[in-house]
C-alpha atoms as a PDB file:
ATOM      1  CA  UNK A   1      85.594   7.458 -76.595  1.00  0.00           C
ATOM      2  CA  UNK A   2      86.014  10.783 -78.437  1.00  0.00           C
ATOM      3  CA  UNK A   3      85.200   9.121 -81.751  1.00  0.00           C
ATOM      4  CA  UNK A   4      82.022   7.620 -80.364  1.00  0.00           C
ATOM      5  CA  UNK A   5      80.989  10.976 -78.974  1.00  0.00           C
ATOM      6  CA  UNK A   6      81.550  12.642 -82.354  1.00  0.00           C
ATOM      7  CA  UNK A   7      79.397   9.979 -84.003  1.00  0.00           C
ATOM      8  CA  UNK A   8      76.620  10.655 -81.503  1.00  0.00           C
ATOM      9  CA  UNK A   9      76.919  14.386 -82.260  1.00  0.00           C
ATOM     10  CA  UNK A  10      76.449  13.574 -85.962  1.00  0.00           C
ATOM     11  CA  UNK A  11      73.316  11.582 -85.141  1.00  0.00           C
ATOM     12  CA  UNK A  12      71.895  14.455 -83.096  1.00  0.00           C
ATOM     13  CA  UNK A  13      72.529  16.882 -85.969  1.00  0.00           C
ATOM     14  CA  UNK A  14      70.946  14.522 -88.489  1.00  0.00           C
ATOM     15  CA  UNK A  15      67.908  14.025 -86.255  1.00  0.00           C
ATOM     16  CA  UNK A  16      67.409  17.779 -86.003  1.00  0.00           C
ATOM     17  CA  UNK A  17      67.534  18.049 -89.788  1.00  0.00           C
ATOM     18  CA  UNK A  18      64.964  15.288 -90.165  1.00  0.00           C
ATOM     19  CA  UNK A  19      62.790  16.885 -87.515  1.00  0.00           C
ATOM     20  CA  UNK A  20      62.845  20.243 -89.348  1.00  0.00           C
ATOM     21  CA  UNK A  21      61.981  18.548 -92.621  1.00  0.00           C
ATOM     22  CA  UNK A  22      59.049  16.691 -91.150  1.00  0.00           C
ATOM     23  CA  UNK A  23      57.825  19.907 -89.543  1.00  0.00           C
ATOM     24  CA  UNK A  24      56.816  21.020 -93.040  1.00  0.00           C
ATOM     25  CA  UNK A  25      54.218  18.249 -93.147  1.00  0.00           C
ATOM     26  CA  UNK A  26      51.270  17.458 -90.935  1.00  0.00           C
ATOM     27  CA  UNK A  27      53.229  15.042 -88.734  1.00  0.00           C
ATOM     28  CA  UNK A  28      53.652  16.341 -85.212  1.00  0.00           C
ATOM     29  CA  UNK A  29      54.100  12.691 -84.296  1.00  0.00           C
ATOM     30  CA  UNK A  30      57.346  12.524 -86.252  1.00  0.00           C
ATOM     31  CA  UNK A  31      58.728  15.602 -84.539  1.00  0.00           C
ATOM     32  CA  UNK A  32      58.094  14.026 -81.160  1.00  0.00           C
ATOM     33  CA  UNK A  33      59.839  10.838 -82.145  1.00  0.00           C
ATOM     34  CA  UNK A  34      62.867  12.633 -83.586  1.00  0.00           C
ATOM     35  CA  UNK A  35      63.095  14.872 -80.509  1.00  0.00           C
ATOM     36  CA  UNK A  36      63.234  11.700 -78.450  1.00  0.00           C
ATOM     37  CA  UNK A  37      65.954  10.255 -80.688  1.00  0.00           C
ATOM     38  CA  UNK A  38      67.910  13.525 -80.480  1.00  0.00           C
ATOM     39  CA  UNK A  39      67.816  13.500 -76.698  1.00  0.00           C
ATOM     40  CA  UNK A  40      68.799   9.847 -76.676  1.00  0.00           C
ATOM     41  CA  UNK A  41      71.745  10.525 -78.960  1.00  0.00           C
ATOM     42  CA  UNK A  42      73.041  13.161 -76.554  1.00  0.00           C
ATOM     43  CA  UNK A  43      72.718  10.673 -73.726  1.00  0.00           C
ATOM     44  CA  UNK A  44      74.573   8.053 -75.722  1.00  0.00           C
ATOM     45  CA  UNK A  45      77.664  10.256 -75.864  1.00  0.00           C
ATOM     46  CA  UNK A  46      78.076   9.378 -72.185  1.00  0.00           C
ATOM     47  CA  UNK A  47      76.367   5.995 -71.978  1.00  0.00           C
ATOM     48  CA  UNK A  48      75.945   3.542 -74.826  1.00  0.00           C
ATOM     49  CA  UNK A  49      78.817   5.024 -76.805  1.00  0.00           C
ATOM     50  CA  UNK A  50      81.176   3.350 -74.346  1.00  0.00           C
ATOM     51  CA  UNK A  51      79.832  -0.026 -75.389  1.00  0.00           C
ATOM     52  CA  UNK A  52      80.725   0.585 -79.017  1.00  0.00           C
ATOM     53  CA  UNK A  53      84.148   2.213 -78.614  1.00  0.00           C
ATOM     54  CA  UNK A  54      85.593  -0.386 -80.929  1.00  0.00           C
ATOM     55  CA  UNK A  55      83.599   0.898 -83.900  1.00  0.00           C
ATOM     56  CA  UNK A  56      85.625   2.796 -86.515  1.00  0.00           C
ATOM     57  CA  UNK A  57      85.684   6.586 -86.257  1.00  0.00           C
ATOM     58  CA  UNK A  58      86.187   6.861 -90.013  1.00  0.00           C
ATOM     59  CA  UNK A  59      82.611   6.261 -91.138  1.00  0.00           C
ATOM     60  CA  UNK A  60      81.908   8.063 -94.377  1.00  0.00           C
ATOM     61  CA  UNK A  61      78.227   8.845 -93.916  1.00  0.00           C
ATOM     62  CA  UNK A  62      75.862   9.613 -91.071  1.00  0.00           C
ATOM     63  CA  UNK A  63      73.843   6.551 -91.971  1.00  0.00           C
ATOM     64  CA  UNK A  64      76.919   4.414 -91.369  1.00  0.00           C
ATOM     65  CA  UNK A  65      77.484   6.131 -88.039  1.00  0.00           C
ATOM     66  CA  UNK A  66      73.957   5.193 -87.022  1.00  0.00           C
ATOM     67  CA  UNK A  67      74.482   1.583 -88.000  1.00  0.00           C
ATOM     68  CA  UNK A  68      77.875   1.376 -86.333  1.00  0.00           C
ATOM     69  CA  UNK A  69      76.651   2.760 -83.046  1.00  0.00           C
ATOM     70  CA  UNK A  70      73.327   1.034 -82.718  1.00  0.00           C
ATOM     71  CA  UNK A  71      72.444  -1.962 -84.814  1.00  0.00           C
ATOM     72  CA  UNK A  72      75.706  -3.916 -85.079  1.00  0.00           C
ATOM     73  CA  UNK A  73      74.337  -5.585 -88.197  1.00  0.00           C
ATOM     74  CA  UNK A  74      70.840  -6.494 -87.077  1.00  0.00           C
ATOM     75  CA  UNK A  75      68.128  -5.408 -84.676  1.00  0.00           C
ATOM     76  CA  UNK A  76      67.955  -7.123 -81.309  1.00  0.00           C
ATOM     77  CA  UNK A  77      64.198  -6.711 -80.919  1.00  0.00           C
ATOM     78  CA  UNK A  78      62.004  -8.518 -83.430  1.00  0.00           C
ATOM     79  CA  UNK A  79      59.044  -6.387 -84.530  1.00  0.00           C
ATOM     80  CA  UNK A  80      55.637  -7.989 -85.129  1.00  0.00           C
ATOM     81  CA  UNK A  81      53.000  -6.159 -87.215  1.00  0.00           C
ATOM     82  CA  UNK A  82      49.294  -6.568 -87.665  1.00  0.00           C
ATOM     83  CA  UNK A  83      47.912  -6.456 -91.212  1.00  0.00           C
ATOM     84  CA  UNK A  84      47.598  -2.912 -92.526  1.00  0.00           C
ATOM     85  CA  UNK A  85      50.204  -1.398 -90.207  1.00  0.00           C
ATOM     86  CA  UNK A  86      53.048   0.630 -91.743  1.00  0.00           C
ATOM     87  CA  UNK A  87      56.606  -0.682 -91.701  1.00  0.00           C
ATOM     88  CA  UNK A  88      58.419   0.934 -88.744  1.00  0.00           C
ATOM     89  CA  UNK A  89      61.324   3.212 -89.589  1.00  0.00           C
ATOM     90  CA  UNK A  90      64.907   2.374 -88.750  1.00  0.00           C
ATOM     91  CA  UNK A  91      65.054   5.166 -86.149  1.00  0.00           C
ATOM     92  CA  UNK A  92      62.008   3.739 -84.405  1.00  0.00           C
ATOM     93  CA  UNK A  93      63.547   0.257 -84.398  1.00  0.00           C
ATOM     94  CA  UNK A  94      66.717   1.742 -82.898  1.00  0.00           C
ATOM     95  CA  UNK A  95      64.663   3.332 -80.127  1.00  0.00           C
ATOM     96  CA  UNK A  96      63.062  -0.020 -79.267  1.00  0.00           C
ATOM     97  CA  UNK A  97      66.455  -1.729 -79.347  1.00  0.00           C
ATOM     98  CA  UNK A  98      67.861   0.752 -76.849  1.00  0.00           C
ATOM     99  CA  UNK A  99      65.026   0.098 -74.451  1.00  0.00           C
ATOM    100  CA  UNK A 100      65.599  -3.661 -74.614  1.00  0.00           C
ATOM    101  CA  UNK A 101      69.385  -3.353 -74.325  1.00  0.00           C
ATOM    102  CA  UNK A 102      69.040  -1.029 -71.344  1.00  0.00           C
ATOM    103  CA  UNK A 103      66.685  -3.472 -69.620  1.00  0.00           C
ATOM    104  CA  UNK A 104      68.960  -6.445 -70.380  1.00  0.00           C
ATOM    105  CA  UNK A 105      72.028  -4.588 -69.074  1.00  0.00           C
ATOM    106  CA  UNK A 106      70.157  -3.851 -65.861  1.00  0.00           C
ATOM    107  CA  UNK A 107      69.237  -7.524 -65.475  1.00  0.00           C
ATOM    108  CA  UNK A 108      72.521  -9.207 -66.407  1.00  0.00           C
ATOM    109  CA  UNK A 109      75.411  -6.843 -67.081  1.00  0.00           C
ATOM    110  CA  UNK A 110      78.634  -8.536 -68.182  1.00  0.00           C
ATOM    111  CA  UNK A 111      80.514  -7.103 -65.185  1.00  0.00           C
ATOM    112  CA  UNK A 112      77.837  -8.313 -62.769  1.00  0.00           C
ATOM    113  CA  UNK A 113      76.642  -4.815 -61.904  1.00  0.00           C
ATOM    114  CA  UNK A 114      73.021  -3.667 -61.849  1.00  0.00           C
ATOM    115  CA  UNK A 115      70.745  -1.268 -60.017  1.00  0.00           C
ATOM    116  CA  UNK A 116      68.458  -2.725 -57.387  1.00  0.00           C
ATOM    117  CA  UNK A 117      65.432  -0.819 -56.094  1.00  0.00           C
ATOM    118  CA  UNK A 118      64.092  -1.339 -52.579  1.00  0.00           C
ATOM    119  CA  UNK A 119      60.710   0.070 -51.620  1.00  0.00           C
ATOM    120  CA  UNK A 120      60.792   2.424 -48.655  1.00  0.00           C
ATOM    121  CA  UNK A 121      58.412   0.948 -46.134  1.00  0.00           C
ATOM    122  CA  UNK A 122      57.966   3.833 -43.678  1.00  0.00           C
ATOM    123  CA  UNK A 123      56.230   6.200 -46.072  1.00  0.00           C
ATOM    124  CA  UNK A 124      53.518   8.448 -44.695  1.00  0.00           C
ATOM    125  CA  UNK A 125      49.867   7.693 -45.377  1.00  0.00           C
ATOM    126  CA  UNK A 126      49.729  10.727 -47.643  1.00  0.00           C
ATOM    127  CA  UNK A 127      52.734   9.521 -49.667  1.00  0.00           C
ATOM    128  CA  UNK A 128      51.215   6.080 -50.058  1.00  0.00           C
ATOM    129  CA  UNK A 129      48.458   7.588 -52.202  1.00  0.00           C
ATOM    130  CA  UNK A 130      51.046   9.000 -54.615  1.00  0.00           C
ATOM    131  CA  UNK A 131      54.141   7.540 -56.287  1.00  0.00           C
ATOM    132  CA  UNK A 132      56.024   4.950 -54.264  1.00  0.00           C
ATOM    133  CA  UNK A 133      59.584   5.853 -53.306  1.00  0.00           C
ATOM    134  CA  UNK A 134      62.554   3.502 -53.565  1.00  0.00           C
ATOM    135  CA  UNK A 135      66.134   3.609 -52.344  1.00  0.00           C
ATOM    136  CA  UNK A 136      68.729   2.537 -54.882  1.00  0.00           C
ATOM    137  CA  UNK A 137      71.549  -0.002 -54.578  1.00  0.00           C
ATOM    138  CA  UNK A 138      74.297  -0.200 -57.213  1.00  0.00           C
ATOM    139  CA  UNK A 139      75.324  -3.839 -57.032  1.00  0.00           C
ATOM    140  CA  UNK A 140      78.945  -4.340 -58.078  1.00  0.00           C
ATOM    141  CA  UNK A 141      79.779  -0.632 -58.321  1.00  0.00           C
ATOM    142  CA  UNK A 142      83.216   0.383 -56.977  1.00  0.00           C
ATOM    143  CA  UNK A 143      83.222   2.730 -54.001  1.00  0.00           C
ATOM    144  CA  UNK A 144      86.160   4.893 -55.012  1.00  0.00           C
ATOM    145  CA  UNK A 145      84.248   6.809 -57.688  1.00  0.00           C
ATOM    146  CA  UNK A 146      81.898   9.754 -57.981  1.00  0.00           C
ATOM    147  CA  UNK A 147      78.703   9.057 -59.937  1.00  0.00           C
ATOM    148  CA  UNK A 148      75.841  10.844 -61.645  1.00  0.00           C
ATOM    149  CA  UNK A 149      72.356   9.563 -62.422  1.00  0.00           C
ATOM    150  CA  UNK A 150      70.422   9.693 -65.680  1.00  0.00           C
ATOM    151  CA  UNK A 151      66.728   8.866 -66.001  1.00  0.00           C
ATOM    152  CA  UNK A 152      64.791   7.845 -69.106  1.00  0.00           C
ATOM    153  CA  UNK A 153      60.997   7.846 -68.828  1.00  0.00           C
ATOM    154  CA  UNK A 154      58.563   6.634 -71.476  1.00  0.00           C
ATOM    155  CA  UNK A 155      56.751   9.984 -71.602  1.00  0.00           C
ATOM    156  CA  UNK A 156      59.937  12.057 -71.814  1.00  0.00           C
ATOM    157  CA  UNK A 157      61.506  13.117 -75.074  1.00  0.00           C
ATOM    158  CA  UNK A 158      65.026  12.899 -73.614  1.00  0.00           C
ATOM    159  CA  UNK A 159      66.902  11.586 -70.632  1.00  0.00           C
ATOM    160  CA  UNK A 160      67.208  13.797 -67.553  1.00  0.00           C
ATOM    161  CA  UNK A 161      70.357  14.157 -65.478  1.00  0.00           C
ATOM    162  CA  UNK A 162      70.665  14.465 -61.701  1.00  0.00           C
ATOM    163  CA  UNK A 163      73.441  17.040 -61.305  1.00  0.00           C
ATOM    164  CA  UNK A 164      74.372  15.969 -57.784  1.00  0.00           C
ATOM    165  CA  UNK A 165      77.547  14.015 -57.045  1.00  0.00           C
ATOM    166  CA  UNK A 166      76.556  10.532 -55.902  1.00  0.00           C
ATOM    167  CA  UNK A 167      78.476   7.865 -53.982  1.00  0.00           C
ATOM    168  CA  UNK A 168      78.075   4.230 -52.922  1.00  0.00           C
ATOM    169  CA  UNK A 169      78.990   2.464 -49.690  1.00  0.00           C
ATOM    170  CA  UNK A 170      80.117  -1.163 -49.249  1.00  0.00           C
ATOM    171  CA  UNK A 171      76.493  -2.336 -49.478  1.00  0.00           C
ATOM    172  CA  UNK A 172      76.021  -0.525 -52.788  1.00  0.00           C
ATOM    173  CA  UNK A 173      73.617   2.017 -51.262  1.00  0.00           C
ATOM    174  CA  UNK A 174      73.647   5.132 -53.446  1.00  0.00           C
ATOM    175  CA  UNK A 175      74.122   8.272 -51.352  1.00  0.00           C
ATOM    176  CA  UNK A 176      74.094  12.006 -52.047  1.00  0.00           C
ATOM    177  CA  UNK A 177      77.323  12.535 -50.083  1.00  0.00           C
ATOM    178  CA  UNK A 178      80.357  10.461 -49.182  1.00  0.00           C
ATOM    179  CA  UNK A 179      79.522   7.822 -46.581  1.00  0.00           C
ATOM    180  CA  UNK A 180      81.032   8.253 -43.132  1.00  0.00           C
ATOM    181  CA  UNK A 181      83.011   5.395 -41.610  1.00  0.00           C
ATOM    182  CA  UNK A 182      80.011   4.310 -39.533  1.00  0.00           C
ATOM    183  CA  UNK A 183      77.780   4.277 -42.654  1.00  0.00           C
ATOM    184  CA  UNK A 184      79.873   2.000 -44.850  1.00  0.00           C
ATOM    185  CA  UNK A 185      77.641  -1.004 -44.099  1.00  0.00           C
ATOM    186  CA  UNK A 186      74.378   0.900 -43.746  1.00  0.00           C
ATOM    187  CA  UNK A 187      71.308  -0.153 -45.726  1.00  0.00           C
ATOM    188  CA  UNK A 188      69.595   3.191 -45.158  1.00  0.00           C
ATOM    189  CA  UNK A 189      70.814   6.705 -44.293  1.00  0.00           C
ATOM    190  CA  UNK A 190      67.556   8.662 -44.463  1.00  0.00           C
ATOM    191  CA  UNK A 191      67.605  11.943 -46.336  1.00  0.00           C
ATOM    192  CA  UNK A 192      71.204  11.414 -47.478  1.00  0.00           C
ATOM    193  CA  UNK A 193      70.372   8.404 -49.658  1.00  0.00           C
ATOM    194  CA  UNK A 194      69.266   8.613 -53.272  1.00  0.00           C
ATOM    195  CA  UNK A 195      65.540   7.996 -53.617  1.00  0.00           C
ATOM    196  CA  UNK A 196      63.546   7.607 -56.820  1.00  0.00           C
ATOM    197  CA  UNK A 197      59.798   7.521 -57.419  1.00  0.00           C
ATOM    198  CA  UNK A 198      57.903   4.903 -59.368  1.00  0.00           C
ATOM    199  CA  UNK A 199      55.541   5.475 -62.252  1.00  0.00           C
ATOM    200  CA  UNK A 200      51.847   5.206 -61.517  1.00  0.00           C
ATOM    201  CA  UNK A 201      50.806   3.249 -64.607  1.00  0.00           C
ATOM    202  CA  UNK A 202      50.716  -0.506 -64.967  1.00  0.00           C
ATOM    203  CA  UNK A 203      53.596  -1.837 -67.115  1.00  0.00           C
ATOM    204  CA  UNK A 204      55.338   1.562 -67.123  1.00  0.00           C
ATOM    205  CA  UNK A 205      59.162   1.254 -66.992  1.00  0.00           C
ATOM    206  CA  UNK A 206      61.482   3.857 -65.479  1.00  0.00           C
ATOM    207  CA  UNK A 207      65.063   3.434 -66.663  1.00  0.00           C
ATOM    208  CA  UNK A 208      68.091   4.612 -64.705  1.00  0.00           C
ATOM    209  CA  UNK A 209      71.811   4.768 -65.409  1.00  0.00           C
ATOM    210  CA  UNK A 210      74.390   5.394 -62.690  1.00  0.00           C
ATOM    211  CA  UNK A 211      77.600   6.416 -64.437  1.00  0.00           C
ATOM    212  CA  UNK A 212      81.004   7.213 -62.987  1.00  0.00           C
ATOM    213  CA  UNK A 213      81.964  10.794 -63.869  1.00  0.00           C
ATOM    214  CA  UNK A 214      85.265   9.489 -65.244  1.00  0.00           C
ATOM    215  CA  UNK A 215      83.269   7.394 -67.731  1.00  0.00           C
ATOM    216  CA  UNK A 216      84.838   4.114 -66.609  1.00  0.00           C
ATOM    217  CA  UNK A 217      81.838   2.397 -65.031  1.00  0.00           C
ATOM    218  CA  UNK A 218      78.141   2.188 -65.911  1.00  0.00           C
ATOM    219  CA  UNK A 219      75.341   0.584 -63.916  1.00  0.00           C
ATOM    220  CA  UNK A 220      71.934   0.164 -65.570  1.00  0.00           C
ATOM    221  CA  UNK A 221      68.573  -0.538 -64.001  1.00  0.00           C
ATOM    222  CA  UNK A 222      64.896  -0.595 -64.926  1.00  0.00           C
ATOM    223  CA  UNK A 223      62.150  -0.133 -62.349  1.00  0.00           C
ATOM    224  CA  UNK A 224      58.645  -1.367 -63.170  1.00  0.00           C
ATOM    225  CA  UNK A 225      56.687  -0.750 -60.004  1.00  0.00           C
ATOM    226  CA  UNK A 226      53.476  -2.293 -61.366  1.00  0.00           C
ATOM    227  CA  UNK A 227      54.570  -5.045 -63.765  1.00  0.00           C
ATOM    228  CA  UNK A 228      52.079  -6.703 -66.084  1.00  0.00           C
ATOM    229  CA  UNK A 229      53.247 -10.281 -66.245  1.00  0.00           C
ATOM    230  CA  UNK A 230      52.063 -13.860 -66.309  1.00  0.00           C
ATOM    231  CA  UNK A 231      53.834 -16.905 -64.867  1.00  0.00           C
ATOM    232  CA  UNK A 232      53.073 -20.467 -65.893  1.00  0.00           C
ATOM    233  CA  UNK A 233      55.171 -23.507 -64.992  1.00  0.00           C
ATOM    234  CA  UNK A 234      58.325 -21.427 -64.643  1.00  0.00           C
ATOM    235  CA  UNK A 235      57.772 -19.468 -67.869  1.00  0.00           C
ATOM    236  CA  UNK A 236      57.187 -15.718 -67.599  1.00  0.00           C
ATOM    237  CA  UNK A 237      55.716 -13.288 -70.117  1.00  0.00           C
ATOM    238  CA  UNK A 238      55.699  -9.546 -69.469  1.00  0.00           C
ATOM    239  CA  UNK A 239      54.272  -6.569 -71.377  1.00  0.00           C
ATOM    240  CA  UNK A 240      56.168  -3.311 -70.977  1.00  0.00           C
ATOM    241  CA  UNK A 241      55.051   0.069 -72.364  1.00  0.00           C
ATOM    242  CA  UNK A 242      57.465   1.345 -75.020  1.00  0.00           C
ATOM    243  CA  UNK A 243      55.557   4.452 -76.207  1.00  0.00           C
ATOM    244  CA  UNK A 244      52.967   6.756 -74.579  1.00  0.00           C
ATOM    245  CA  UNK A 245      49.340   5.594 -74.696  1.00  0.00           C
ATOM    246  CA  UNK A 246      50.575   2.011 -75.052  1.00  0.00           C
ATOM    247  CA  UNK A 247      50.968   2.547 -78.809  1.00  0.00           C
ATOM    248  CA  UNK A 248      54.099   0.373 -78.805  1.00  0.00           C
ATOM    249  CA  UNK A 249      54.741  -2.503 -76.431  1.00  0.00           C
ATOM    250  CA  UNK A 250      57.748  -4.672 -75.564  1.00  0.00           C
ATOM    251  CA  UNK A 251      56.846  -8.325 -74.963  1.00  0.00           C
ATOM    252  CA  UNK A 252      59.482 -10.011 -72.798  1.00  0.00           C
ATOM    253  CA  UNK A 253      59.804 -13.784 -72.348  1.00  0.00           C
ATOM    254  CA  UNK A 254      61.912 -15.418 -69.622  1.00  0.00           C
ATOM    255  CA  UNK A 255      62.265 -18.907 -68.197  1.00  0.00           C
ATOM    256  CA  UNK A 256      61.734 -20.687 -71.504  1.00  0.00           C
ATOM    257  CA  UNK A 257      64.127 -23.404 -72.722  1.00  0.00           C
ATOM    258  CA  UNK A 258      67.454 -21.998 -73.929  1.00  0.00           C
ATOM    259  CA  UNK A 259      67.994 -21.685 -77.681  1.00  0.00           C
ATOM    260  CA  UNK A 260      64.439 -22.759 -78.431  1.00  0.00           C
ATOM    261  CA  UNK A 261      61.863 -21.293 -80.806  1.00  0.00           C
ATOM    262  CA  UNK A 262      58.880 -19.726 -79.055  1.00  0.00           C
ATOM    263  CA  UNK A 263      55.606 -19.192 -80.933  1.00  0.00           C
ATOM    264  CA  UNK A 264      53.987 -15.858 -80.087  1.00  0.00           C
ATOM    265  CA  UNK A 265      50.312 -15.146 -80.798  1.00  0.00           C
ATOM    266  CA  UNK A 266      48.965 -11.587 -80.656  1.00  0.00           C
ATOM    267  CA  UNK A 267      45.356 -10.407 -80.781  1.00  0.00           C
ATOM    268  CA  UNK A 268      44.218  -6.789 -80.917  1.00  0.00           C
ATOM    269  CA  UNK A 269      40.468  -6.544 -81.357  1.00  0.00           C
ATOM    270  CA  UNK A 270      39.658  -8.815 -84.289  1.00  0.00           C
ATOM    271  CA  UNK A 271      43.188  -8.632 -85.706  1.00  0.00           C
ATOM    272  CA  UNK A 272      45.574 -11.562 -85.279  1.00  0.00           C
ATOM    273  CA  UNK A 273      49.337 -11.825 -85.753  1.00  0.00           C
ATOM    274  CA  UNK A 274      51.850 -14.539 -84.954  1.00  0.00           C
ATOM    275  CA  UNK A 275      55.595 -15.024 -85.052  1.00  0.00           C
ATOM    276  CA  UNK A 276      58.411 -17.134 -83.605  1.00  0.00           C
ATOM    277  CA  UNK A 277      61.625 -16.057 -81.937  1.00  0.00           C
ATOM    278  CA  UNK A 278      64.590 -18.058 -80.703  1.00  0.00           C
ATOM    279  CA  UNK A 279      65.492 -17.574 -77.056  1.00  0.00           C
ATOM    280  CA  UNK A 280      69.063 -16.868 -76.002  1.00  0.00           C
ATOM    281  CA  UNK A 281      71.203 -19.086 -73.772  1.00  0.00           C
ATOM    282  CA  UNK A 282      69.235 -17.846 -70.744  1.00  0.00           C
ATOM    283  CA  UNK A 283      65.799 -18.613 -72.197  1.00  0.00           C
ATOM    284  CA  UNK A 284      65.161 -14.904 -72.797  1.00  0.00           C
ATOM    285  CA  UNK A 285      63.570 -13.200 -75.814  1.00  0.00           C
ATOM    286  CA  UNK A 286      62.047  -9.795 -76.636  1.00  0.00           C
ATOM    287  CA  UNK A 287      59.465  -8.788 -79.254  1.00  0.00           C
ATOM    288  CA  UNK A 288      57.994  -5.381 -80.028  1.00  0.00           C
ATOM    289  CA  UNK A 289      54.496  -4.735 -81.330  1.00  0.00           C
ATOM    290  CA  UNK A 290      52.187  -1.829 -82.021  1.00  0.00           C
ATOM    291  CA  UNK A 291      48.674  -2.864 -80.952  1.00  0.00           C
ATOM    292  CA  UNK A 292      47.041  -0.180 -83.109  1.00  0.00           C
ATOM    293  CA  UNK A 293      44.510  -1.566 -85.571  1.00  0.00           C
ATOM    294  CA  UNK A 294      43.787   0.669 -88.579  1.00  0.00           C
ATOM    295  CA  UNK A 295      40.524   2.562 -88.103  1.00  0.00           C
ATOM    296  CA  UNK A 296      40.315   1.836 -84.360  1.00  0.00           C
ATOM    297  CA  UNK A 297      41.233   4.320 -81.598  1.00  0.00           C
ATOM    298  CA  UNK A 298      41.350   1.960 -78.609  1.00  0.00           C
ATOM    299  CA  UNK A 299      41.316  -1.727 -77.801  1.00  0.00           C
ATOM    300  CA  UNK A 300      42.943  -4.560 -75.868  1.00  0.00           C
ATOM    301  CA  UNK A 301      46.143  -6.363 -76.778  1.00  0.00           C
ATOM    302  CA  UNK A 302      46.509  -9.995 -75.743  1.00  0.00           C
ATOM    303  CA  UNK A 303      49.859 -11.744 -76.128  1.00  0.00           C
ATOM    304  CA  UNK A 304      50.513 -15.454 -75.543  1.00  0.00           C
ATOM    305  CA  UNK A 305      53.804 -17.359 -75.794  1.00  0.00           C
ATOM    306  CA  UNK A 306      53.950 -21.139 -76.001  1.00  0.00           C
ATOM    307  CA  UNK A 307      56.602 -23.240 -74.307  1.00  0.00           C
ATOM    308  CA  UNK A 308      56.874 -27.036 -74.117  1.00  0.00           C
ATOM    309  CA  UNK A 309      54.810 -27.141 -70.896  1.00  0.00           C
ATOM    310  CA  UNK A 310      53.590 -23.581 -70.434  1.00  0.00           C
ATOM    311  CA  UNK A 311      51.382 -20.944 -72.023  1.00  0.00           C
ATOM    312  CA  UNK A 312      51.663 -17.572 -70.241  1.00  0.00           C
ATOM    313  CA  UNK A 313      49.591 -14.673 -71.590  1.00  0.00           C
ATOM    314  CA  UNK A 314      49.183 -10.981 -70.785  1.00  0.00           C
ATOM    315  CA  UNK A 315      46.433  -8.452 -71.589  1.00  0.00           C
ATOM    316  CA  UNK A 316      46.966  -4.693 -71.909  1.00  0.00           C
ATOM    317  CA  UNK A 317      44.463  -1.968 -72.921  1.00  0.00           C
ATOM    318  CA  UNK A 318      45.660   0.635 -75.433  1.00  0.00           C
ATOM    319  CA  UNK A 319      44.408   3.869 -76.959  1.00  0.00           C
ATOM    320  CA  UNK A 320      45.671   6.260 -79.586  1.00  0.00           C
ATOM    321  CA  UNK A 321      44.555   9.308 -77.571  1.00  0.00           C
ATOM    322  CA  UNK A 322      44.566  11.651 -80.578  1.00  0.00           C
ATOM    323  CA  UNK A 323      45.724  11.893 -84.145  1.00  0.00           C
ATOM    324  CA  UNK A 324      49.129  12.993 -82.818  1.00  0.00           C
ATOM    325  CA  UNK A 325      49.658   9.910 -80.637  1.00  0.00           C
ATOM    326  CA  UNK A 326      53.052   8.233 -81.184  1.00  0.00           C
ATOM    327  CA  UNK A 327      53.040   5.195 -83.447  1.00  0.00           C
ATOM    328  CA  UNK A 328      55.541   3.444 -85.708  1.00  0.00           C
ATOM    329  CA  UNK A 329      56.239   5.903 -88.538  1.00  0.00           C
ATOM    330  CA  UNK A 330      56.369   4.987 -92.179  1.00  0.00           C
ATOM    331  CA  UNK A 331      59.603   5.234 -94.142  1.00  0.00           C
END
């Protein structure tokens, strides 16, 4: 664990050096991205580093540390580019991989644990016009531990930490104090339960990690209050925002035949791109794409995936916002 934390510290230091170097050029975009990576590296010292404890602590260079912690030889998320787009940097690919791994861990963790979000129904009329609130259940989390919560939002440059001690009862309900004997089976405890708010944008993910303070148990979850998805004959395709202003998108396929090759067709304005990706044993696959077309500041991305008997497709508007809008950086 200590070795993994030291490696993460090296990554944070390297990211700060890169950020300072880029600050000498007209690339505010790059500073934002590296700030995000720096914050993520600090988070990893508690979270993802646990997953890679088996990696050697005797890496000779910082580049090797990065590879050992994150890529494990290859990227999980396949990146699709339109003609004229720059090749995304390794750091950017790492960022996309972390988003996909976080989401996958929240959907099917190896220990069976995941965070489940239940909408609070008795919200006031005034609250209903703002963000929707959810109570949180940590399925499979042991009760005899104290937890903390970390949150990773698309528009944030780092994860945020809830400093309160958190607990779970026998139902997995996450509480802000230890449950009393009469609350062990409760599904709601009012103001003493942990509540989170959803994002307002369509396809906007909010990622949460409930971690035991002793570092021995992690529970991931991703909340997309307004998912952008298409279902066709049991196949599902979803678009999920990966960068602000929809300048990078995760395309997630589920329900397709296991270990099969799925053709993906992308259209952004008049630009076309296509690729194939093999699903895993659960019929799941993830692509990443930047919808930005050179010389265009806004448009609509359409993605379609073809299965043997299905053809789900999703449509998502995008905009660059300004010259400083995040986008895949060049090497």
